[in-house]
C-alpha atoms as a PDB file:
ATOM      1  CA  MET A   1      11.691  -8.244 -18.317  1.00  0.00           C
ATOM      2  CA  ASP A   2      12.387  -5.727 -21.064  1.00  0.00           C
ATOM      3  CA  TYR A   3      10.103  -2.845 -22.026  1.00  0.00           C
ATOM      4  CA  GLU A   4       8.363  -4.611 -24.929  1.00  0.00           C
ATOM      5  CA  GLU A   5       7.632  -7.694 -22.811  1.00  0.00           C
ATOM      6  CA  PHE A   6       6.351  -5.465 -20.025  1.00  0.00           C
ATOM      7  CA  VAL A   7       3.940  -3.664 -22.366  1.00  0.00           C
ATOM      8  CA  GLU A   8       2.648  -6.931 -23.777  1.00  0.00           C
ATOM      9  CA  GLU A   9       2.123  -8.475 -20.332  1.00  0.00           C
ATOM     10  CA  ALA A  10       0.440  -5.315 -19.001  1.00  0.00           C
ATOM     11  CA  HIS A  11      -2.115  -5.281 -21.819  1.00  0.00           C
ATOM     12  CA  ARG A  12      -2.713  -9.018 -21.479  1.00  0.00           C
ATOM     13  CA  MET A  13      -3.498  -8.603 -17.777  1.00  0.00           C
ATOM     14  CA  TRP A  14      -5.664  -5.565 -18.504  1.00  0.00           C
ATOM     15  CA  GLU A  15      -7.826  -7.636 -20.861  1.00  0.00           C
ATOM     16  CA  GLU A  16      -8.354 -10.157 -18.045  1.00  0.00           C
ATOM     17  CA  VAL A  17     -10.110  -7.511 -15.948  1.00  0.00           C
ATOM     18  CA  PRO A  18     -13.905  -7.809 -16.420  1.00  0.00           C
ATOM     19  CA  ALA A  19     -15.246  -5.183 -18.809  1.00  0.00           C
ATOM     20  CA  SER A  20     -17.693  -3.883 -16.190  1.00  0.00           C
ATOM     21  CA  TYR A  21     -14.761  -2.909 -13.936  1.00  0.00           C
ATOM     22  CA  ARG A  22     -13.050  -1.067 -16.792  1.00  0.00           C
ATOM     23  CA  GLU A  23     -16.015   1.202 -17.511  1.00  0.00           C
ATOM     24  CA  GLY A  24     -15.043   4.849 -17.366  1.00  0.00           C
ATOM     25  CA  ILE A  25     -11.357   4.161 -18.033  1.00  0.00           C
ATOM     26  CA  ASP A  26     -10.238   5.621 -21.333  1.00  0.00           C
ATOM     27  CA  GLY A  27      -7.059   3.596 -21.515  1.00  0.00           C
ATOM     28  CA  MET A  28      -3.853   2.403 -19.948  1.00  0.00           C
ATOM     29  CA  VAL A  29      -0.484   3.865 -20.931  1.00  0.00           C
ATOM     30  CA  VAL A  30       2.953   2.410 -20.240  1.00  0.00           C
ATOM     31  CA  LYS A  31       5.825   4.852 -19.830  1.00  0.00           C
ATOM     32  CA  ARG A  32       9.476   3.870 -20.149  1.00  0.00           C
ATOM     33  CA  GLU A  33      10.760   6.220 -17.458  1.00  0.00           C
ATOM     34  CA  ALA A  34      10.885   5.778 -13.710  1.00  0.00           C
ATOM     35  CA  GLU A  35       8.682   8.048 -11.618  1.00  0.00           C
ATOM     36  CA  THR A  36       9.873   8.977  -8.138  1.00  0.00           C
ATOM     37  CA  HIS A  37       7.623  10.036  -5.291  1.00  0.00           C
ATOM     38  CA  PRO A  38       7.444  13.873  -5.098  1.00  0.00           C
ATOM     39  CA  GLU A  39       8.593  13.925  -1.452  1.00  0.00           C
ATOM     40  CA  HIS A  40      10.655  10.724  -1.165  1.00  0.00           C
ATOM     41  CA  ASP A  41      13.364  10.254  -3.799  1.00  0.00           C
ATOM     42  CA  ASP A  42      14.034   6.633  -2.846  1.00  0.00           C
ATOM     43  CA  TYR A  43      10.397   5.666  -3.464  1.00  0.00           C
ATOM     44  CA  TYR A  44       9.298   4.823  -6.979  1.00  0.00           C
ATOM     45  CA  THR A  45       5.775   5.282  -8.278  1.00  0.00           C
ATOM     46  CA  MET A  46       4.844   2.092 -10.098  1.00  0.00           C
ATOM     47  CA  GLY A  47       1.461   3.258 -11.325  1.00  0.00           C
ATOM     48  CA  MET A  48      -0.985   6.143 -11.165  1.00  0.00           C
ATOM     49  CA  CYS A  49      -4.675   6.682 -11.810  1.00  0.00           C
ATOM     50  CA  PHE A  50      -5.510  10.080 -13.295  1.00  0.00           C
ATOM     51  CA  THR A  51      -9.212  10.766 -12.772  1.00  0.00           C
ATOM     52  CA  GLU A  52     -11.313  13.694 -13.938  1.00  0.00           C
ATOM     53  CA  PRO A  53     -14.959  14.127 -12.879  1.00  0.00           C
ATOM     54  CA  TYR A  54     -17.483  15.718 -15.209  1.00  0.00           C
ATOM     55  CA  PRO A  55     -20.512  17.660 -13.913  1.00  0.00           C
ATOM     56  CA  SER A  56     -23.464  15.347 -13.610  1.00  0.00           C
ATOM     57  CA  GLY A  57     -26.417  14.689 -11.387  1.00  0.00           C
ATOM     58  CA  TYR A  58     -25.174  11.217 -10.594  1.00  0.00           C
ATOM     59  CA  GLY A  59     -21.907   9.362 -10.218  1.00  0.00           C
ATOM     60  CA  GLY A  60     -20.923   6.688 -12.695  1.00  0.00           C
ATOM     61  CA  PRO A  61     -18.755   5.831 -15.705  1.00  0.00           C
ATOM     62  CA  ASP A  62     -20.370   8.612 -17.773  1.00  0.00           C
ATOM     63  CA  SER A  63     -19.348  11.301 -15.266  1.00  0.00           C
ATOM     64  CA  THR A  64     -15.957   9.961 -14.161  1.00  0.00           C
ATOM     65  CA  ARG A  65     -13.154   9.320 -16.658  1.00  0.00           C
ATOM     66  CA  SER A  66      -9.745   7.884 -15.775  1.00  0.00           C
ATOM     67  CA  ILE A  67      -6.459   6.953 -17.394  1.00  0.00           C
ATOM     68  CA  LEU A  68      -4.125   4.401 -15.811  1.00  0.00           C
ATOM     69  CA  ALA A  69      -0.368   4.888 -16.163  1.00  0.00           C
ATOM     70  CA  LEU A  70       2.348   2.305 -15.494  1.00  0.00           C
ATOM     71  CA  TYR A  71       6.025   3.231 -15.132  1.00  0.00           C
ATOM     72  CA  TYR A  72       8.313   0.530 -16.504  1.00  0.00           C
ATOM     73  CA  GLY A  73      11.410   2.336 -15.225  1.00  0.00           C
ATOM     74  CA  SER A  74      10.139   2.218 -11.643  1.00  0.00           C
ATOM     75  CA  PHE A  75       9.645  -1.552 -11.837  1.00  0.00           C
ATOM     76  CA  ALA A  76      13.161  -1.918 -13.259  1.00  0.00           C
ATOM     77  CA  GLU A  77      14.743   0.193 -10.491  1.00  0.00           C
ATOM     78  CA  ILE A  78      13.075  -1.806  -7.724  1.00  0.00           C
ATOM     79  CA  ALA A  79      13.938  -5.112  -9.407  1.00  0.00           C
ATOM     80  CA  LYS A  80      17.647  -4.181  -9.351  1.00  0.00           C
ATOM     81  CA  SER A  81      17.792  -4.258  -5.540  1.00  0.00           C
ATOM     82  CA  ASP A  82      15.232  -6.992  -4.843  1.00  0.00           C
ATOM     83  CA  PRO A  83      16.325 -10.510  -5.892  1.00  0.00           C
ATOM     84  CA  ASP A  84      12.832 -11.846  -5.066  1.00  0.00           C
ATOM     85  CA  PHE A  85      11.068  -9.249  -7.231  1.00  0.00           C
ATOM     86  CA  SER A  86       8.299 -10.815  -9.344  1.00  0.00           C
ATOM     87  CA  TRP A  87       7.456  -8.714 -12.382  1.00  0.00           C
ATOM     88  CA  GLU A  88       4.149 -10.501 -12.990  1.00  0.00           C
ATOM     89  CA  ASP A  89       2.969 -10.290  -9.382  1.00  0.00           C
ATOM     90  CA  GLU A  90       3.889  -6.639  -8.981  1.00  0.00           C
ATOM     91  CA  LEU A  91       2.373  -5.693 -12.330  1.00  0.00           C
ATOM     92  CA  TRP A  92      -0.941  -7.337 -11.486  1.00  0.00           C
ATOM     93  CA  GLU A  93      -0.981  -5.778  -8.017  1.00  0.00           C
ATOM     94  CA  THR A  94      -0.291  -2.312  -9.465  1.00  0.00           C
ATOM     95  CA  ILE A  95      -3.012  -2.592 -12.125  1.00  0.00           C
ATOM     96  CA  THR A  96      -5.652  -3.737  -9.633  1.00  0.00           C
ATOM     97  CA  HIS A  97      -4.519  -1.144  -7.080  1.00  0.00           C
ATOM     98  CA  GLU A  98      -5.021   1.723  -9.531  1.00  0.00           C
ATOM     99  CA  LEU A  99      -8.262   0.217 -10.807  1.00  0.00           C
ATOM    100  CA  ARG A 100      -9.606   0.219  -7.264  1.00  0.00           C
ATOM    101  CA  HIS A 101      -8.940   3.952  -6.984  1.00  0.00           C
ATOM    102  CA  HIS A 102     -11.002   4.565 -10.132  1.00  0.00           C
ATOM    103  CA  LEU A 103     -13.886   2.507  -8.769  1.00  0.00           C
ATOM    104  CA  GLU A 104     -13.740   4.302  -5.415  1.00  0.00           C
ATOM    105  CA  PHE A 105     -13.784   7.689  -7.091  1.00  0.00           C
ATOM    106  CA  MET A 106     -16.700   6.622  -9.291  1.00  0.00           C
ATOM    107  CA  VAL A 107     -18.857   6.012  -6.216  1.00  0.00           C
ATOM    108  CA  GLU A 108     -17.567   9.258  -4.641  1.00  0.00           C
ATOM    109  CA  ASP A 109     -15.639   7.470  -1.913  1.00  0.00           C
ATOM    110  CA  ASP A 110     -13.373   9.968  -0.129  1.00  0.00           C
ATOM    111  CA  ALA A 111     -10.692   9.970   2.543  1.00  0.00           C
ATOM    112  CA  LEU A 112     -13.069  10.684   5.418  1.00  0.00           C
ATOM    113  CA  GLU A 113     -15.288   7.778   4.437  1.00  0.00           C
ATOM    114  CA  GLY A 114     -12.149   5.666   4.345  1.00  0.00           C
ATOM    115  CA  VAL A 115     -11.289   6.702   7.905  1.00  0.00           C
ATOM    116  CA  ASP A 116     -14.813   5.786   9.004  1.00  0.00           C
ATOM    117  CA  HIS A 117     -14.383   2.351   7.452  1.00  0.00           C
ATOM    118  CA  ALA A 118     -10.989   1.886   9.099  1.00  0.00           C
ATOM    119  CA  MET A 119     -12.314   2.786  12.549  1.00  0.00           C
ATOM    120  CA  GLU A 120     -15.338   0.540  12.151  1.00  0.00           C
ATOM    121  CA  GLN A 121     -13.173  -2.411  11.136  1.00  0.00           C
ATOM    122  CA  SER A 122     -10.683  -1.684  13.908  1.00  0.00           C
ATOM    123  CA  HIS A 123     -13.532  -1.920  16.398  1.00  0.00           C
ATOM    124  CA  ARG A 124     -14.691  -5.199  14.871  1.00  0.00           C
ATOM    125  CA  ARG A 125     -11.162  -6.530  15.176  1.00  0.00           C
ATOM    126  CA  SER A 126     -11.027  -5.542  18.853  1.00  0.00           C
ATOM    127  CA  GLU A 127     -14.356  -7.307  19.403  1.00  0.00           C
ATOM    128  CA  GLY A 128     -13.048 -10.522  17.857  1.00  0.00           C
ATOM    129  CA  VAL A 129     -15.524 -10.626  14.971  1.00  0.00           C
ATOM    130  CA  ASP A 130     -14.886 -10.815  11.223  1.00  0.00           C
ATOM    131  CA  PHE A 131     -13.212  -7.722   9.807  1.00  0.00           C
ATOM    132  CA  ASP A 132     -11.525  -6.470   6.660  1.00  0.00           C
ATOM    133  CA  PRO A 133      -7.847  -7.375   7.257  1.00  0.00           C
ATOM    134  CA  TRP A 134      -6.666  -4.516   4.988  1.00  0.00           C
ATOM    135  CA  TYR A 135      -8.846  -1.920   6.717  1.00  0.00           C
ATOM    136  CA  PHE A 136      -5.859   0.197   7.780  1.00  0.00           C
ATOM    137  CA  GLN A 137      -5.185   1.092   4.133  1.00  0.00           C
ATOM    138  CA  SER A 138      -8.476   3.017   4.145  1.00  0.00           C
ATOM    139  CA  GLY A 139      -6.961   5.560   6.509  1.00  0.00           C
ATOM    140  CA  ILE A 140      -5.265   8.759   5.391  1.00  0.00           C
ATOM    141  CA  GLU A 141      -1.796   8.072   3.978  1.00  0.00           C
ATOM    142  CA  ILE A 142       0.559  10.453   5.795  1.00  0.00           C
ATOM    143  CA  ALA A 143       3.711   8.931   4.240  1.00  0.00           C
ATOM    144  CA  PRO A 144       4.258   6.081   1.765  1.00  0.00           C
ATOM    145  CA  GLY A 145       2.779   2.983   3.412  1.00  0.00           C
ATOM    146  CA  VAL A 146       1.898   4.829   6.651  1.00  0.00           C
ATOM    147  CA  TYR A 147      -1.807   5.289   7.388  1.00  0.00           C
ATOM    148  CA  ARG A 148      -3.664   7.279  10.034  1.00  0.00           C
ATOM    149  CA  ALA A 149      -7.233   6.701  11.206  1.00  0.00           C
ATOM    150  CA  GLU A 150      -8.006   9.179  14.000  1.00  0.00           C
ATOM    151  CA  ASP A 151      -5.579   8.260  16.828  1.00  0.00           C
ATOM    152  CA  GLU A 152      -4.396   5.010  15.230  1.00  0.00           C
ATOM    153  CA  VAL A 153      -1.332   4.858  12.964  1.00  0.00           C
ATOM    154  CA  TYR A 154      -0.331   1.830  10.899  1.00  0.00           C
ATOM    155  CA  ILE A 155       3.136   1.364   9.378  1.00  0.00           C
ATOM    156  CA  GLU A 156       2.932  -1.313   6.695  1.00  0.00           C
ATOM    157  CA  GLN A 157       5.912  -3.448   5.682  1.00  0.00           C
ATOM    158  CA  ARG A 158       5.826  -6.176   3.026  1.00  0.00           C
ATOM    159  CA  TRP A 159       7.975  -9.243   3.641  1.00  0.00           C
ATOM    160  CA  SER A 160       8.728 -12.422   1.739  1.00  0.00           C
ATOM    161  CA  VAL A 161       9.215 -15.520   3.874  1.00  0.00           C
ATOM    162  CA  LYS A 162      12.858 -15.698   2.792  1.00  0.00           C
ATOM    163  CA  ALA A 163      13.649 -12.085   3.649  1.00  0.00           C
ATOM    164  CA  PHE A 164      11.838 -12.329   6.993  1.00  0.00           C
ATOM    165  CA  ALA A 165      13.896 -15.374   7.985  1.00  0.00           C
ATOM    166  CA  GLN A 166      17.154 -13.519   7.333  1.00  0.00           C
ATOM    167  CA  VAL A 167      16.624 -10.632   9.776  1.00  0.00           C
ATOM    168  CA  GLU A 168      16.863 -10.615  13.553  1.00  0.00           C
ATOM    169  CA  ALA A 169      14.947  -7.401  14.222  1.00  0.00           C
ATOM    170  CA  LEU A 170      12.568  -5.024  12.458  1.00  0.00           C
ATOM    171  CA  SER A 171      13.244  -1.323  12.027  1.00  0.00           C
ATOM    172  CA  PHE A 172      11.152   1.663  11.021  1.00  0.00           C
ATOM    173  CA  GLU A 173      11.114   5.439  11.242  1.00  0.00           C
ATOM    174  CA  TRP A 174       8.809   7.495  13.402  1.00  0.00           C
ATOM    175  CA  ALA A 175       8.812  11.197  14.270  1.00  0.00           C
ATOM    176  CA  GLY A 176      12.302  11.842  12.945  1.00  0.00           C
ATOM    177  CA  GLU A 177      13.954   8.873  14.648  1.00  0.00           C
ATOM    178  CA  ARG A 178      14.748   5.298  13.748  1.00  0.00           C
ATOM    179  CA  TRP A 179      13.364   2.525  15.938  1.00  0.00           C
ATOM    180  CA  SER A 180      13.838  -1.212  16.295  1.00  0.00           C
ATOM    181  CA  VAL A 181      11.583  -3.980  17.604  1.00  0.00           C
ATOM    182  CA  PRO A 182      12.270  -7.705  18.070  1.00  0.00           C
ATOM    183  CA  LYS A 183      11.184  -9.882  15.185  1.00  0.00           C
ATOM    184  CA  PRO A 184       8.157 -12.012  16.118  1.00  0.00           C
ATOM    185  CA  PRO A 185       8.577 -15.780  15.795  1.00  0.00           C
ATOM    186  CA  HIS A 186       5.952 -16.057  13.034  1.00  0.00           C
ATOM    187  CA  LEU A 187       5.196 -13.813  10.054  1.00  0.00           C
ATOM    188  CA  GLY A 188       1.703 -15.054   9.231  1.00  0.00           C
ATOM    189  CA  ASP A 189      -0.126 -13.482   6.295  1.00  0.00           C
ATOM    190  CA  ILE A 190      -0.817 -10.249   8.169  1.00  0.00           C
ATOM    191  CA  HIS A 191       0.750  -9.604  11.561  1.00  0.00           C
ATOM    192  CA  TYR A 192      -0.402  -6.565  13.548  1.00  0.00           C
ATOM    193  CA  ILE A 193       2.254  -5.540  16.069  1.00  0.00           C
ATOM    194  CA  TRP A 194       1.355  -2.973  18.742  1.00  0.00           C
ATOM    195  CA  VAL A 195       4.469  -0.842  19.243  1.00  0.00           C
ATOM    196  CA  LEU A 196       4.951   0.421  22.806  1.00  0.00           C
ATOM    197  CA  GLY A 197       7.396   2.999  24.103  1.00  0.00           C
ATOM    198  CA  LEU A 198       7.166   5.568  21.306  1.00  0.00           C
ATOM    199  CA  PRO A 199       7.015   9.293  22.200  1.00  0.00           C
ATOM    200  CA  SER A 200       3.533   9.681  20.782  1.00  0.00           C
ATOM    201  CA  GLU A 201      -0.065   9.858  21.916  1.00  0.00           C
ATOM    202  CA  GLU A 202      -1.080   7.883  18.840  1.00  0.00           C
ATOM    203  CA  HIS A 203      -1.527   4.116  18.981  1.00  0.00           C
ATOM    204  CA  VAL A 204       1.104   2.868  16.535  1.00  0.00           C
ATOM    205  CA  GLN A 205       1.045  -0.552  14.920  1.00  0.00           C
ATOM    206  CA  LEU A 206       3.625  -2.136  12.650  1.00  0.00           C
ATOM    207  CA  VAL A 207       1.753  -4.249  10.102  1.00  0.00           C
ATOM    208  CA  LEU A 208       3.745  -7.063   8.514  1.00  0.00           C
ATOM    209  CA  ALA A 209       2.170  -8.300   5.288  1.00  0.00           C
ATOM    210  CA  ARG A 210       3.438 -11.459   3.665  1.00  0.00           C
ATOM    211  CA  ASP A 211       4.213 -11.186  -0.038  1.00  0.00           C
ATOM    212  CA  LEU A 212       2.302 -13.878  -1.931  1.00  0.00           C
ATOM    213  CA  SER A 213       2.907 -14.756  -5.544  1.00  0.00           C
ATOM    214  CA  PHE A 214       0.164 -14.238  -8.102  1.00  0.00           C
ATOM    215  CA  TRP A 215      -0.473 -17.994  -8.311  1.00  0.00           C
ATOM    216  CA  ASP A 216      -0.493 -18.364  -4.523  1.00  0.00           C
ATOM    217  CA  ARG A 217      -3.227 -15.724  -4.336  1.00  0.00           C
ATOM    218  CA  ILE A 218      -5.236 -17.492  -7.073  1.00  0.00           C
ATOM    219  CA  ARG A 219      -4.811 -20.849  -5.338  1.00  0.00           C
ATOM    220  CA  ARG A 220      -5.910 -19.463  -1.985  1.00  0.00           C
ATOM    221  CA  TRP A 221      -8.924 -17.782  -3.555  1.00  0.00           C
ATOM    222  CA  ALA A 222      -9.955 -20.984  -5.350  1.00  0.00           C
ATOM    223  CA  LYS A 223      -9.623 -23.092  -2.196  1.00  0.00           C
ATOM    224  CA  ARG A 224     -11.136 -20.401   0.063  1.00  0.00           C
ATOM    225  CA  ILE A 225      -8.078 -20.519   2.316  1.00  0.00           C
ATOM    226  CA  PRO A 226      -8.416 -17.791   4.979  1.00  0.00           C
ATOM    227  CA  LEU A 227      -5.580 -15.423   5.792  1.00  0.00           C
ATOM    228  CA  GLU A 228      -3.470 -16.210   8.856  1.00  0.00           C
ATOM    229  CA  LEU A 229      -3.925 -13.105  11.010  1.00  0.00           C
ATOM    230  CA  LEU A 230      -1.592 -12.629  13.979  1.00  0.00           C
ATOM    231  CA  GLU A 231      -1.340  -9.971  16.676  1.00  0.00           C
ATOM    232  CA  SER A 232       1.341  -9.167  19.235  1.00  0.00           C
ATOM    233  CA  GLU A 233       2.896  -6.262  21.116  1.00  0.00           C
ATOM    234  CA  VAL A 234       6.509  -5.264  21.627  1.00  0.00           C
ATOM    235  CA  GLU A 235       8.589  -2.532  23.221  1.00  0.00           C
ATOM    236  CA  ALA A 236      10.475  -0.319  20.766  1.00  0.00           C
ATOM    237  CA  SER A 237      14.146   0.641  21.130  1.00  0.00           C
ATOM    238  CA  ARG A 238      15.472   3.963  19.829  1.00  0.00           C
ATOM    239  CA  LEU A 239      18.317   3.600  17.317  1.00  0.00           C
ATOM    240  CA  GLY A 240      18.986   7.285  16.692  1.00  0.00           C
ATOM    241  CA  ALA A 241      17.950  10.291  14.686  1.00  0.00           C
ATOM    242  CA  VAL A 242      17.101  10.007  11.012  1.00  0.00           C
ATOM    243  CA  ALA A 243      19.575  11.807   8.783  1.00  0.00           C
ATOM    244  CA  ASP A 244      16.764  13.225   6.654  1.00  0.00           C
ATOM    245  CA  SER A 245      13.878  13.715   9.060  1.00  0.00           C
ATOM    246  CA  SER A 246      11.601  14.876   6.232  1.00  0.00           C
ATOM    247  CA  ARG A 247      11.195  11.215   5.283  1.00  0.00           C
ATOM    248  CA  ALA A 248       9.677  10.274   8.637  1.00  0.00           C
ATOM    249  CA  PRO A 249       5.899  10.343   9.168  1.00  0.00           C
ATOM    250  CA  GLU A 250       4.650  13.744  10.274  1.00  0.00           C
ATOM    251  CA  LEU A 251       2.466  14.019  13.349  1.00  0.00           C
ATOM    252  CA  GLU A 252      -0.512  15.667  11.686  1.00  0.00           C
ATOM    253  CA  PRO A 253      -3.766  16.272  13.565  1.00  0.00           C
ATOM    254  CA  PRO A 254      -6.189  13.345  13.251  1.00  0.00           C
ATOM    255  CA  GLY A 255      -8.459  13.627  10.233  1.00  0.00           C
ATOM    256  CA  HIS A 256      -6.007  15.614   8.080  1.00  0.00           C
ATOM    257  CA  GLY A 257      -3.785  14.421   5.251  1.00  0.00           C
ATOM    258  CA  SER A 258      -2.903  14.913   1.625  1.00  0.00           C
ATOM    259  CA  ARG A 259      -4.753  12.381  -0.490  1.00  0.00           C
ATOM    260  CA  PRO A 260      -5.652  14.194  -3.747  1.00  0.00           C
ATOM    261  CA  ASP A 261      -9.015  13.414  -5.323  1.00  0.00           C
ATOM    262  CA  HIS A 262      -7.771  13.619  -8.904  1.00  0.00           C
ATOM    263  CA  GLU A 263      -4.877  11.171  -8.866  1.00  0.00           C
ATOM    264  CA  SER A 264      -3.551   8.223  -6.908  1.00  0.00           C
ATOM    265  CA  ARG A 265      -0.233   6.447  -6.903  1.00  0.00           C
ATOM    266  CA  ASN A 266       1.180   3.072  -5.982  1.00  0.00           C
ATOM    267  CA  ASP A 267       4.666   3.545  -4.470  1.00  0.00           C
ATOM    268  CA  ARG A 268       7.448   1.290  -3.259  1.00  0.00           C
ATOM    269  CA  ASN A 269      10.992   1.944  -2.173  1.00  0.00           C
ATOM    270  CA  ALA A 270      14.107   0.425  -3.633  1.00  0.00           C
ATOM    271  CA  GLU A 271      14.194  -2.103  -0.787  1.00  0.00           C
ATOM    272  CA  GLY A 272      10.928  -3.544  -2.080  1.00  0.00           C
ATOM    273  CA  ARG A 273       8.598  -2.619   0.780  1.00  0.00           C
ATOM    274  CA  GLY A 274       5.967   0.001   1.255  1.00  0.00           C
ATOM    275  CA  GLY A 275       6.069   2.341   4.209  1.00  0.00           C
ATOM    276  CA  VAL A 276       8.934   4.416   5.512  1.00  0.00           C
ATOM    277  CA  PRO A 277      11.976   2.110   5.510  1.00  0.00           C
END
């Protein structure tokens, strides 16, 4: 998809968003260049939400103004190394991701409230009752795609069915080292894998999320098809030290992180998955 087509498709999708959800957003801009993550050069920022609050006695679209930015160059860089990259799916996901940040800011939702939500939903999951399957993303993001909620850490990886079938094991980085775990027999839609054997007091989970096309998501929503949620546990094997340990998740004290209130970003690496590769 070239730049002109990208701009046209982005604005078409933006017009599909209900007007009530777009309140308080002054516009959406599309930039030609790629935007890399400030701390991880191999991660590209696909979109950002720049939000500025204005003094007011209440929160709402009159006191919170945002601008959404999309980076065409970042999409192009990721597409080069991902043969299954879907421009339409990723564009829609990025727009709605940044829109959600604006809506959260408008109701004064902050990182600590997100941690509270994550812990509540984690408890519901442990009790076997209905829970928000994406609750872990409400935690504090300590690295791209890595979320902490108190003593729980979630490392998210996105997989297509085709890519998942081609690997024999899963790898990830943790605390300056690279680790491997056996691939589970089934991907599911979301698969929570408890990772044992790591040198950490935190409870670490590898979360495998199946990549669904835009039309698959629409079809599932229309037919009310529930997500296939799986859970398992495995023992991790150490592969060796990471060459650049600054890319690995840092062991910060629970409840601390660096999620700025005034801007948010949607990042992916050149391999096409969120989280530390």
